[in-house]
Amino acid sequence: MAAVAPHDLGWSVAMLNMVGSIAFGASAIAGYVDPDSGEILSVRIDNLGTLLGAVSFFLGALLLIPDQKESPAEPADSVEQSP
Protein backbone atom coordinates (compact mmCIF):
# COMPACT_ATOMS: atom_id res chain seq x y z
CA MET A 1 0.00 0.00 0.00
CA ALA A 2 1.40 3.35 -1.01
CA ALA A 3 1.85 6.08 1.58
CA VAL A 4 0.49 8.71 -0.80
CA ALA A 5 -2.57 7.72 -2.79
CA PRO A 6 -4.53 10.86 -3.79
CA HIS A 7 -6.65 8.81 -6.21
CA ASP A 8 -8.06 6.80 -3.25
CA LEU A 9 -11.27 8.27 -1.83
CA GLY A 10 -10.43 7.36 1.77
CA TRP A 11 -6.99 8.91 1.51
CA SER A 12 -8.39 12.13 0.05
CA VAL A 13 -11.04 12.47 2.76
CA ALA A 14 -8.49 11.76 5.49
CA MET A 15 -6.08 14.32 4.04
CA LEU A 16 -8.79 17.00 3.84
CA ASN A 17 -9.77 16.28 7.44
CA MET A 18 -6.13 16.51 8.54
CA VAL A 19 -5.70 19.86 6.76
CA GLY A 20 -8.92 21.08 8.35
CA SER A 21 -7.79 19.97 11.81
CA ILE A 22 -4.44 21.73 11.43
CA ALA A 23 -6.19 24.89 10.21
CA PHE A 24 -8.60 24.83 13.17
CA GLY A 25 -5.62 24.33 15.51
CA ALA A 26 -3.82 27.31 14.01
CA SER A 27 -7.02 29.30 14.37
CA ALA A 28 -7.25 28.42 18.04
CA ILE A 29 -3.65 29.46 18.68
CA ALA A 30 -4.04 32.70 16.71
CA GLY A 31 -7.26 33.47 18.59
CA TYR A 32 -5.42 33.57 21.92
CA VAL A 33 -6.31 36.72 23.85
CA ASP A 34 -3.43 38.36 25.72
CA PRO A 35 -4.73 38.83 29.26
CA ASP A 36 -2.72 42.02 29.81
CA SER A 37 -3.76 43.92 26.67
CA GLY A 38 -7.00 42.13 25.75
CA GLU A 39 -5.78 41.89 22.14
CA ILE A 40 -6.16 38.79 19.98
CA LEU A 41 -2.83 37.38 18.82
CA SER A 42 -3.81 37.47 15.12
CA VAL A 43 -7.36 38.08 13.92
CA ARG A 44 -6.36 37.46 10.31
CA ILE A 45 -4.89 33.99 10.99
CA ASP A 46 -7.77 33.23 13.35
CA ASN A 47 -10.36 33.93 10.63
CA LEU A 48 -8.33 32.32 7.85
CA GLY A 49 -7.77 29.15 9.88
CA THR A 50 -11.46 28.88 10.68
CA LEU A 51 -12.40 29.38 7.03
CA LEU A 52 -9.82 26.88 5.73
CA GLY A 53 -10.80 24.32 8.36
CA ALA A 54 -14.48 24.63 7.56
CA VAL A 55 -13.92 24.42 3.79
CA SER A 56 -11.66 21.38 4.20
CA PHE A 57 -14.20 19.53 6.35
CA PHE A 58 -16.99 20.46 3.94
CA LEU A 59 -15.06 19.18 0.91
CA GLY A 60 -14.25 15.95 2.75
CA ALA A 61 -17.96 15.48 3.48
CA LEU A 62 -18.87 16.18 -0.15
CA LEU A 63 -16.45 13.49 -1.31
CA LEU A 64 -18.32 10.94 0.81
CA ILE A 65 -21.68 11.54 -0.92
CA PRO A 66 -20.98 9.36 -4.00
CA ASP A 67 -19.72 6.60 -1.69
CA GLN A 68 -23.07 6.59 0.14
CA LYS A 69 -25.00 6.35 -3.12
CA GLU A 70 -23.03 3.25 -4.14
CA SER A 71 -23.88 1.33 -0.94
CA PRO A 72 -27.58 1.81 -0.14
CA ALA A 73 -28.76 1.29 3.41
CA GLU A 74 -30.60 -1.87 4.37
CA PRO A 75 -34.40 -1.42 4.34
CA ALA A 76 -35.90 -1.00 7.81
CA ASP A 77 -38.44 -3.81 7.40
CA SER A 78 -35.71 -6.41 6.74
CA VAL A 79 -34.05 -5.83 10.12
CA GLU A 80 -34.86 -8.63 12.55
CA GLN A 81 -36.66 -7.65 15.73
CA SER A 82 -35.60 -9.30 18.98
CA PRO A 83 -38.43 -10.54 21.23
PDB file of N, CA and C in Angstrom:
ATOM      1  N   MET A   1       0.845  -1.184   0.000  1.00  0.00           N
ATOM      2  CA  MET A   1       0.000   0.000   0.000  1.00  0.00           C
ATOM      3  C   MET A   1       0.883   1.237   0.000  1.00  0.00           C
ATOM      4  N   ALA A   2       0.597   2.129  -0.890  1.00  0.00           N
ATOM      5  CA  ALA A   2       1.397   3.351  -1.012  1.00  0.00           C
ATOM      6  C   ALA A   2       1.051   4.334   0.092  1.00  0.00           C
ATOM      7  N   ALA A   3       2.060   5.088   0.527  1.00  0.00           N
ATOM      8  CA  ALA A   3       1.846   6.077   1.583  1.00  0.00           C
ATOM      9  C   ALA A   3       1.044   7.260   1.059  1.00  0.00           C
ATOM     10  N   VAL A   4       1.221   7.603  -0.196  1.00  0.00           N
ATOM     11  CA  VAL A   4       0.493   8.712  -0.804  1.00  0.00           C
ATOM     12  C   VAL A   4      -0.347   8.140  -1.932  1.00  0.00           C
ATOM     13  N   ALA A   5      -1.660   8.263  -1.782  1.00  0.00           N
ATOM     14  CA  ALA A   5      -2.573   7.720  -2.790  1.00  0.00           C
ATOM     15  C   ALA A   5      -3.730   8.684  -3.014  1.00  0.00           C
ATOM     16  N   PRO A   6      -3.477   9.864  -3.638  1.00  0.00           N
ATOM     17  CA  PRO A   6      -4.529  10.860  -3.789  1.00  0.00           C
ATOM     18  C   PRO A   6      -5.714  10.379  -4.630  1.00  0.00           C
ATOM     19  N   HIS A   7      -5.548   9.316  -5.406  1.00  0.00           N
ATOM     20  CA  HIS A   7      -6.652   8.805  -6.210  1.00  0.00           C
ATOM     21  C   HIS A   7      -7.621   7.967  -5.372  1.00  0.00           C
ATOM     22  N   ASP A   8      -7.222   7.593  -4.154  1.00  0.00           N
ATOM     23  CA  ASP A   8      -8.060   6.802  -3.252  1.00  0.00           C
ATOM     24  C   ASP A   8      -8.988   7.730  -2.469  1.00  0.00           C
ATOM     25  N   LEU A   9     -10.275   7.424  -2.488  1.00  0.00           N
ATOM     26  CA  LEU A   9     -11.272   8.272  -1.826  1.00  0.00           C
ATOM     27  C   LEU A   9     -10.992   8.411  -0.331  1.00  0.00           C
ATOM     28  N   GLY A  10     -10.705   7.315   0.333  1.00  0.00           N
ATOM     29  CA  GLY A  10     -10.434   7.356   1.771  1.00  0.00           C
ATOM     30  C   GLY A  10      -9.230   8.214   2.099  1.00  0.00           C
ATOM     31  N   TRP A  11      -8.194   8.109   1.288  1.00  0.00           N
ATOM     32  CA  TRP A  11      -6.988   8.911   1.512  1.00  0.00           C
ATOM     33  C   TRP A  11      -7.302  10.390   1.334  1.00  0.00           C
ATOM     34  N   SER A  12      -8.059  10.725   0.313  1.00  0.00           N
ATOM     35  CA  SER A  12      -8.394  12.129   0.051  1.00  0.00           C
ATOM     36  C   SER A  12      -9.224  12.726   1.182  1.00  0.00           C
ATOM     37  N   VAL A  13     -10.204  11.978   1.668  1.00  0.00           N
ATOM     38  CA  VAL A  13     -11.044  12.467   2.763  1.00  0.00           C
ATOM     39  C   VAL A  13     -10.205  12.635   4.030  1.00  0.00           C
ATOM     40  N   ALA A  14      -9.348  11.663   4.307  1.00  0.00           N
ATOM     41  CA  ALA A  14      -8.492  11.759   5.492  1.00  0.00           C
ATOM     42  C   ALA A  14      -7.539  12.950   5.400  1.00  0.00           C
ATOM     43  N   MET A  15      -6.996  13.199   4.217  1.00  0.00           N
ATOM     44  CA  MET A  15      -6.076  14.323   4.039  1.00  0.00           C
ATOM     45  C   MET A  15      -6.813  15.656   4.213  1.00  0.00           C
ATOM     46  N   LEU A  16      -8.008  15.770   3.665  1.00  0.00           N
ATOM     47  CA  LEU A  16      -8.787  16.998   3.837  1.00  0.00           C
ATOM     48  C   LEU A  16      -9.136  17.219   5.315  1.00  0.00           C
ATOM     49  N   ASN A  17      -9.472  16.147   6.017  1.00  0.00           N
ATOM     50  CA  ASN A  17      -9.775  16.278   7.443  1.00  0.00           C
ATOM     51  C   ASN A  17      -8.531  16.657   8.240  1.00  0.00           C
ATOM     52  N   MET A  18      -7.367  16.142   7.848  1.00  0.00           N
ATOM     53  CA  MET A  18      -6.134  16.509   8.541  1.00  0.00           C
ATOM     54  C   MET A  18      -5.804  17.985   8.303  1.00  0.00           C
ATOM     55  N   VAL A  19      -5.944  18.441   7.069  1.00  0.00           N
ATOM     56  CA  VAL A  19      -5.697  19.856   6.762  1.00  0.00           C
ATOM     57  C   VAL A  19      -6.670  20.732   7.546  1.00  0.00           C
ATOM     58  N   GLY A  20      -7.931  20.322   7.601  1.00  0.00           N
ATOM     59  CA  GLY A  20      -8.923  21.081   8.354  1.00  0.00           C
ATOM     60  C   GLY A  20      -8.595  21.130   9.838  1.00  0.00           C
ATOM     61  N   SER A  21      -8.143  20.017  10.387  1.00  0.00           N
ATOM     62  CA  SER A  21      -7.790  19.975  11.810  1.00  0.00           C
ATOM     63  C   SER A  21      -6.603  20.873  12.114  1.00  0.00           C
ATOM     64  N   ILE A  22      -5.607  20.863  11.240  1.00  0.00           N
ATOM     65  CA  ILE A  22      -4.437  21.732  11.432  1.00  0.00           C
ATOM     66  C   ILE A  22      -4.854  23.200  11.330  1.00  0.00           C
ATOM     67  N   ALA A  23      -5.722  23.507  10.378  1.00  0.00           N
ATOM     68  CA  ALA A  23      -6.185  24.888  10.213  1.00  0.00           C
ATOM     69  C   ALA A  23      -6.980  25.345  11.442  1.00  0.00           C
ATOM     70  N   PHE A  24      -7.840  24.477  11.971  1.00  0.00           N
ATOM     71  CA  PHE A  24      -8.597  24.831  13.173  1.00  0.00           C
ATOM     72  C   PHE A  24      -7.660  24.995  14.369  1.00  0.00           C
ATOM     73  N   GLY A  25      -6.611  24.182  14.435  1.00  0.00           N
ATOM     74  CA  GLY A  25      -5.622  24.325  15.511  1.00  0.00           C
ATOM     75  C   GLY A  25      -4.888  25.650  15.420  1.00  0.00           C
ATOM     76  N   ALA A  26      -4.489  26.021  14.205  1.00  0.00           N
ATOM     77  CA  ALA A  26      -3.817  27.310  14.009  1.00  0.00           C
ATOM     78  C   ALA A  26      -4.758  28.455  14.366  1.00  0.00           C
ATOM     79  N   SER A  27      -6.025  28.287  14.035  1.00  0.00           N
ATOM     80  CA  SER A  27      -7.017  29.303  14.367  1.00  0.00           C
ATOM     81  C   SER A  27      -7.152  29.469  15.874  1.00  0.00           C
ATOM     82  N   ALA A  28      -7.139  28.353  16.584  1.00  0.00           N
ATOM     83  CA  ALA A  28      -7.253  28.415  18.043  1.00  0.00           C
ATOM     84  C   ALA A  28      -6.045  29.110  18.667  1.00  0.00           C
ATOM     85  N   ILE A  29      -4.860  28.823  18.156  1.00  0.00           N
ATOM     86  CA  ILE A  29      -3.650  29.463  18.680  1.00  0.00           C
ATOM     87  C   ILE A  29      -3.661  30.954  18.355  1.00  0.00           C
ATOM     88  N   ALA A  30      -4.026  31.290  17.124  1.00  0.00           N
ATOM     89  CA  ALA A  30      -4.043  32.705  16.709  1.00  0.00           C
ATOM     90  C   ALA A  30      -5.133  33.491  17.428  1.00  0.00           C
ATOM     91  N   GLY A  31      -6.168  32.803  17.897  1.00  0.00           N
ATOM     92  CA  GLY A  31      -7.257  33.474  18.592  1.00  0.00           C
ATOM     93  C   GLY A  31      -6.996  33.699  20.073  1.00  0.00           C
ATOM     94  N   TYR A  32      -5.783  33.373  20.512  1.00  0.00           N
ATOM     95  CA  TYR A  32      -5.424  33.574  21.921  1.00  0.00           C
ATOM     96  C   TYR A  32      -5.525  35.066  22.275  1.00  0.00           C
ATOM     97  N   VAL A  33      -6.168  35.338  23.390  1.00  0.00           N
ATOM     98  CA  VAL A  33      -6.313  36.718  23.848  1.00  0.00           C
ATOM     99  C   VAL A  33      -5.294  36.976  24.949  1.00  0.00           C
ATOM    100  N   ASP A  34      -4.436  37.973  24.718  1.00  0.00           N
ATOM    101  CA  ASP A  34      -3.435  38.357  25.718  1.00  0.00           C
ATOM    102  C   ASP A  34      -4.164  38.944  26.923  1.00  0.00           C
ATOM    103  N   PRO A  35      -3.986  38.349  28.103  1.00  0.00           N
ATOM    104  CA  PRO A  35      -4.729  38.827  29.264  1.00  0.00           C
ATOM    105  C   PRO A  35      -4.362  40.255  29.688  1.00  0.00           C
ATOM    106  N   ASP A  36      -3.137  40.677  29.409  1.00  0.00           N
ATOM    107  CA  ASP A  36      -2.724  42.023  29.808  1.00  0.00           C
ATOM    108  C   ASP A  36      -3.330  43.107  28.922  1.00  0.00           C
ATOM    109  N   SER A  37      -3.283  42.890  27.592  1.00  0.00           N
ATOM    110  CA  SER A  37      -3.761  43.925  26.667  1.00  0.00           C
ATOM    111  C   SER A  37      -5.191  43.690  26.183  1.00  0.00           C
ATOM    112  N   GLY A  38      -5.668  42.445  26.266  1.00  0.00           N
ATOM    113  CA  GLY A  38      -6.999  42.125  25.752  1.00  0.00           C
ATOM    114  C   GLY A  38      -7.045  41.984  24.243  1.00  0.00           C
ATOM    115  N   GLU A  39      -5.869  42.000  23.608  1.00  0.00           N
ATOM    116  CA  GLU A  39      -5.780  41.893  22.141  1.00  0.00           C
ATOM    117  C   GLU A  39      -5.671  40.428  21.717  1.00  0.00           C
ATOM    118  N   ILE A  40      -6.294  40.121  20.577  1.00  0.00           N
ATOM    119  CA  ILE A  40      -6.164  38.790  19.981  1.00  0.00           C
ATOM    120  C   ILE A  40      -4.817  38.712  19.288  1.00  0.00           C
ATOM    121  N   LEU A  41      -4.158  37.551  19.393  1.00  0.00           N
ATOM    122  CA  LEU A  41      -2.828  37.379  18.817  1.00  0.00           C
ATOM    123  C   LEU A  41      -2.814  37.729  17.327  1.00  0.00           C
ATOM    124  N   SER A  42      -3.729  37.149  16.548  1.00  0.00           N
ATOM    125  CA  SER A  42      -3.810  37.471  15.119  1.00  0.00           C
ATOM    126  C   SER A  42      -5.225  37.194  14.615  1.00  0.00           C
ATOM    127  N   VAL A  43      -5.987  38.232  14.414  1.00  0.00           N
ATOM    128  CA  VAL A  43      -7.357  38.084  13.924  1.00  0.00           C
ATOM    129  C   VAL A  43      -7.364  37.509  12.515  1.00  0.00           C
ATOM    130  N   ARG A  44      -6.420  37.933  11.696  1.00  0.00           N
ATOM    131  CA  ARG A  44      -6.358  37.464  10.305  1.00  0.00           C
ATOM    132  C   ARG A  44      -6.133  35.954  10.244  1.00  0.00           C
ATOM    133  N   ILE A  45      -5.160  35.438  10.995  1.00  0.00           N
ATOM    134  CA  ILE A  45      -4.894  33.994  10.994  1.00  0.00           C
ATOM    135  C   ILE A  45      -6.042  33.246  11.657  1.00  0.00           C
ATOM    136  N   ASP A  46      -6.629  33.844  12.691  1.00  0.00           N
ATOM    137  CA  ASP A  46      -7.774  33.231  13.355  1.00  0.00           C
ATOM    138  C   ASP A  46      -8.912  33.012  12.363  1.00  0.00           C
ATOM    139  N   ASN A  47      -9.266  34.034  11.618  1.00  0.00           N
ATOM    140  CA  ASN A  47     -10.355  33.933  10.635  1.00  0.00           C
ATOM    141  C   ASN A  47      -9.990  33.034   9.464  1.00  0.00           C
ATOM    142  N   LEU A  48      -8.762  33.151   8.969  1.00  0.00           N
ATOM    143  CA  LEU A  48      -8.330  32.324   7.845  1.00  0.00           C
ATOM    144  C   LEU A  48      -8.295  30.845   8.227  1.00  0.00           C
ATOM    145  N   GLY A  49      -7.807  30.538   9.422  1.00  0.00           N
ATOM    146  CA  GLY A  49      -7.768  29.154   9.884  1.00  0.00           C
ATOM    147  C   GLY A  49      -9.153  28.560  10.035  1.00  0.00           C
ATOM    148  N   THR A  50     -10.082  29.352  10.545  1.00  0.00           N
ATOM    149  CA  THR A  50     -11.463  28.885  10.680  1.00  0.00           C
ATOM    150  C   THR A  50     -12.079  28.630   9.312  1.00  0.00           C
ATOM    151  N   LEU A  51     -11.861  29.545   8.377  1.00  0.00           N
ATOM    152  CA  LEU A  51     -12.397  29.378   7.027  1.00  0.00           C
ATOM    153  C   LEU A  51     -11.795  28.154   6.339  1.00  0.00           C
ATOM    154  N   LEU A  52     -10.473  28.012   6.385  1.00  0.00           N
ATOM    155  CA  LEU A  52      -9.816  26.880   5.733  1.00  0.00           C
ATOM    156  C   LEU A  52     -10.236  25.557   6.366  1.00  0.00           C
ATOM    157  N   GLY A  53     -10.354  25.534   7.686  1.00  0.00           N
ATOM    158  CA  GLY A  53     -10.797  24.320   8.362  1.00  0.00           C
ATOM    159  C   GLY A  53     -12.206  23.932   7.967  1.00  0.00           C
ATOM    160  N   ALA A  54     -13.094  24.904   7.922  1.00  0.00           N
ATOM    161  CA  ALA A  54     -14.482  24.629   7.556  1.00  0.00           C
ATOM    162  C   ALA A  54     -14.598  24.160   6.108  1.00  0.00           C
ATOM    163  N   VAL A  55     -13.884  24.805   5.208  1.00  0.00           N
ATOM    164  CA  VAL A  55     -13.923  24.418   3.794  1.00  0.00           C
ATOM    165  C   VAL A  55     -13.345  23.016   3.608  1.00  0.00           C
ATOM    166  N   SER A  56     -12.266  22.710   4.307  1.00  0.00           N
ATOM    167  CA  SER A  56     -11.661  21.381   4.196  1.00  0.00           C
ATOM    168  C   SER A  56     -12.613  20.294   4.684  1.00  0.00           C
ATOM    169  N   PHE A  57     -13.251  20.505   5.836  1.00  0.00           N
ATOM    170  CA  PHE A  57     -14.201  19.525   6.354  1.00  0.00           C
ATOM    171  C   PHE A  57     -15.397  19.381   5.411  1.00  0.00           C
ATOM    172  N   PHE A  58     -15.855  20.494   4.864  1.00  0.00           N
ATOM    173  CA  PHE A  58     -16.991  20.463   3.945  1.00  0.00           C
ATOM    174  C   PHE A  58     -16.649  19.672   2.679  1.00  0.00           C
ATOM    175  N   LEU A  59     -15.473  19.913   2.112  1.00  0.00           N
ATOM    176  CA  LEU A  59     -15.064  19.182   0.906  1.00  0.00           C
ATOM    177  C   LEU A  59     -14.907  17.689   1.192  1.00  0.00           C
ATOM    178  N   GLY A  60     -14.366  17.362   2.364  1.00  0.00           N
ATOM    179  CA  GLY A  60     -14.254  15.955   2.749  1.00  0.00           C
ATOM    180  C   GLY A  60     -15.624  15.295   2.839  1.00  0.00           C
ATOM    181  N   ALA A  61     -16.597  16.008   3.384  1.00  0.00           N
ATOM    182  CA  ALA A  61     -17.959  15.477   3.482  1.00  0.00           C
ATOM    183  C   ALA A  61     -18.582  15.318   2.096  1.00  0.00           C
ATOM    184  N   LEU A  62     -18.333  16.277   1.210  1.00  0.00           N
ATOM    185  CA  LEU A  62     -18.874  16.176  -0.155  1.00  0.00           C
ATOM    186  C   LEU A  62     -18.311  14.961  -0.889  1.00  0.00           C
ATOM    187  N   LEU A  63     -17.054  14.643  -0.647  1.00  0.00           N
ATOM    188  CA  LEU A  63     -16.449  13.489  -1.306  1.00  0.00           C
ATOM    189  C   LEU A  63     -17.090  12.178  -0.860  1.00  0.00           C
ATOM    190  N   LEU A  64     -17.698  12.168   0.309  1.00  0.00           N
ATOM    191  CA  LEU A  64     -18.324  10.945   0.812  1.00  0.00           C
ATOM    192  C   LEU A  64     -19.712  10.701   0.232  1.00  0.00           C
ATOM    193  N   ILE A  65     -20.322  11.698  -0.388  1.00  0.00           N
ATOM    194  CA  ILE A  65     -21.677  11.542  -0.920  1.00  0.00           C
ATOM    195  C   ILE A  65     -21.747  10.456  -1.998  1.00  0.00           C
ATOM    196  N   PRO A  66     -20.879  10.429  -3.000  1.00  0.00           N
ATOM    197  CA  PRO A  66     -20.975   9.355  -4.003  1.00  0.00           C
ATOM    198  C   PRO A  66     -20.772   7.974  -3.388  1.00  0.00           C
ATOM    199  N   ASP A  67     -19.954   7.880  -2.351  1.00  0.00           N
ATOM    200  CA  ASP A  67     -19.716   6.601  -1.690  1.00  0.00           C
ATOM    201  C   ASP A  67     -20.992   6.093  -1.033  1.00  0.00           C
ATOM    202  N   GLN A  68     -21.804   6.967  -0.476  1.00  0.00           N
ATOM    203  CA  GLN A  68     -23.071   6.586   0.141  1.00  0.00           C
ATOM    204  C   GLN A  68     -24.082   6.124  -0.906  1.00  0.00           C
ATOM    205  N   LYS A  69     -24.056   6.728  -2.076  1.00  0.00           N
ATOM    206  CA  LYS A  69     -25.004   6.352  -3.123  1.00  0.00           C
ATOM    207  C   LYS A  69     -24.690   4.968  -3.680  1.00  0.00           C
ATOM    208  N   GLU A  70     -23.418   4.547  -3.618  1.00  0.00           N
ATOM    209  CA  GLU A  70     -23.029   3.245  -4.139  1.00  0.00           C
ATOM    210  C   GLU A  70     -23.404   2.109  -3.203  1.00  0.00           C
ATOM    211  N   SER A  71     -23.534   2.369  -1.906  1.00  0.00           N
ATOM    212  CA  SER A  71     -23.882   1.330  -0.944  1.00  0.00           C
ATOM    213  C   SER A  71     -25.153   1.733  -0.201  1.00  0.00           C
ATOM    214  N   PRO A  72     -26.322   1.402  -0.771  1.00  0.00           N
ATOM    215  CA  PRO A  72     -27.584   1.808  -0.145  1.00  0.00           C
ATOM    216  C   PRO A  72     -27.771   1.139   1.213  1.00  0.00           C
ATOM    217  N   ALA A  73     -28.497   1.820   2.074  1.00  0.00           N
ATOM    218  CA  ALA A  73     -28.764   1.292   3.409  1.00  0.00           C
ATOM    219  C   ALA A  73     -29.748   0.131   3.314  1.00  0.00           C
ATOM    220  N   GLU A  74     -29.690  -0.737   4.314  1.00  0.00           N
ATOM    221  CA  GLU A  74     -30.595  -1.872   4.368  1.00  0.00           C
ATOM    222  C   GLU A  74     -31.996  -1.375   4.710  1.00  0.00           C
ATOM    223  N   PRO A  75     -33.031  -1.871   4.029  1.00  0.00           N
ATOM    224  CA  PRO A  75     -34.398  -1.423   4.342  1.00  0.00           C
ATOM    225  C   PRO A  75     -34.764  -1.737   5.791  1.00  0.00           C
ATOM    226  N   ALA A  76     -35.547  -0.865   6.391  1.00  0.00           N
ATOM    227  CA  ALA A  76     -35.895  -0.996   7.806  1.00  0.00           C
ATOM    228  C   ALA A  76     -36.724  -2.236   8.088  1.00  0.00           C
ATOM    229  N   ASP A  77     -37.584  -2.662   7.143  1.00  0.00           N
ATOM    230  CA  ASP A  77     -38.443  -3.813   7.397  1.00  0.00           C
ATOM    231  C   ASP A  77     -37.693  -5.138   7.330  1.00  0.00           C
ATOM    232  N   SER A  78     -36.472  -5.166   6.815  1.00  0.00           N
ATOM    233  CA  SER A  78     -35.713  -6.412   6.741  1.00  0.00           C
ATOM    234  C   SER A  78     -34.842  -6.638   7.975  1.00  0.00           C
ATOM    235  N   VAL A  79     -34.833  -5.689   8.903  1.00  0.00           N
ATOM    236  CA  VAL A  79     -34.050  -5.830  10.121  1.00  0.00           C
ATOM    237  C   VAL A  79     -34.846  -6.702  11.078  1.00  0.00           C
ATOM    238  N   GLU A  80     -34.180  -7.723  11.637  1.00  0.00           N
ATOM    239  CA  GLU A  80     -34.865  -8.632  12.546  1.00  0.00           C
ATOM    240  C   GLU A  80     -35.109  -7.951  13.883  1.00  0.00           C
ATOM    241  N   GLN A  81     -36.278  -8.184  14.428  1.00  0.00           N
ATOM    242  CA  GLN A  81     -36.664  -7.655  15.726  1.00  0.00           C
ATOM    243  C   GLN A  81     -36.390  -8.727  16.779  1.00  0.00           C
ATOM    244  N   SER A  82     -35.799  -8.345  17.895  1.00  0.00           N
ATOM    245  CA  SER A  82     -35.598  -9.301  18.978  1.00  0.00           C
ATOM    246  C   SER A  82     -36.817  -9.292  19.899  1.00  0.00           C
ATOM    247  N   PRO A  83     -37.221 -10.471  20.428  1.00  0.00           N
ATOM    248  CA  PRO A  83     -38.434 -10.543  21.235  1.00  0.00           C
ATOM    249  C   PRO A  83     -38.334  -9.846  22.552  1.00  0.00           C
TER     250      PRO A  83
END
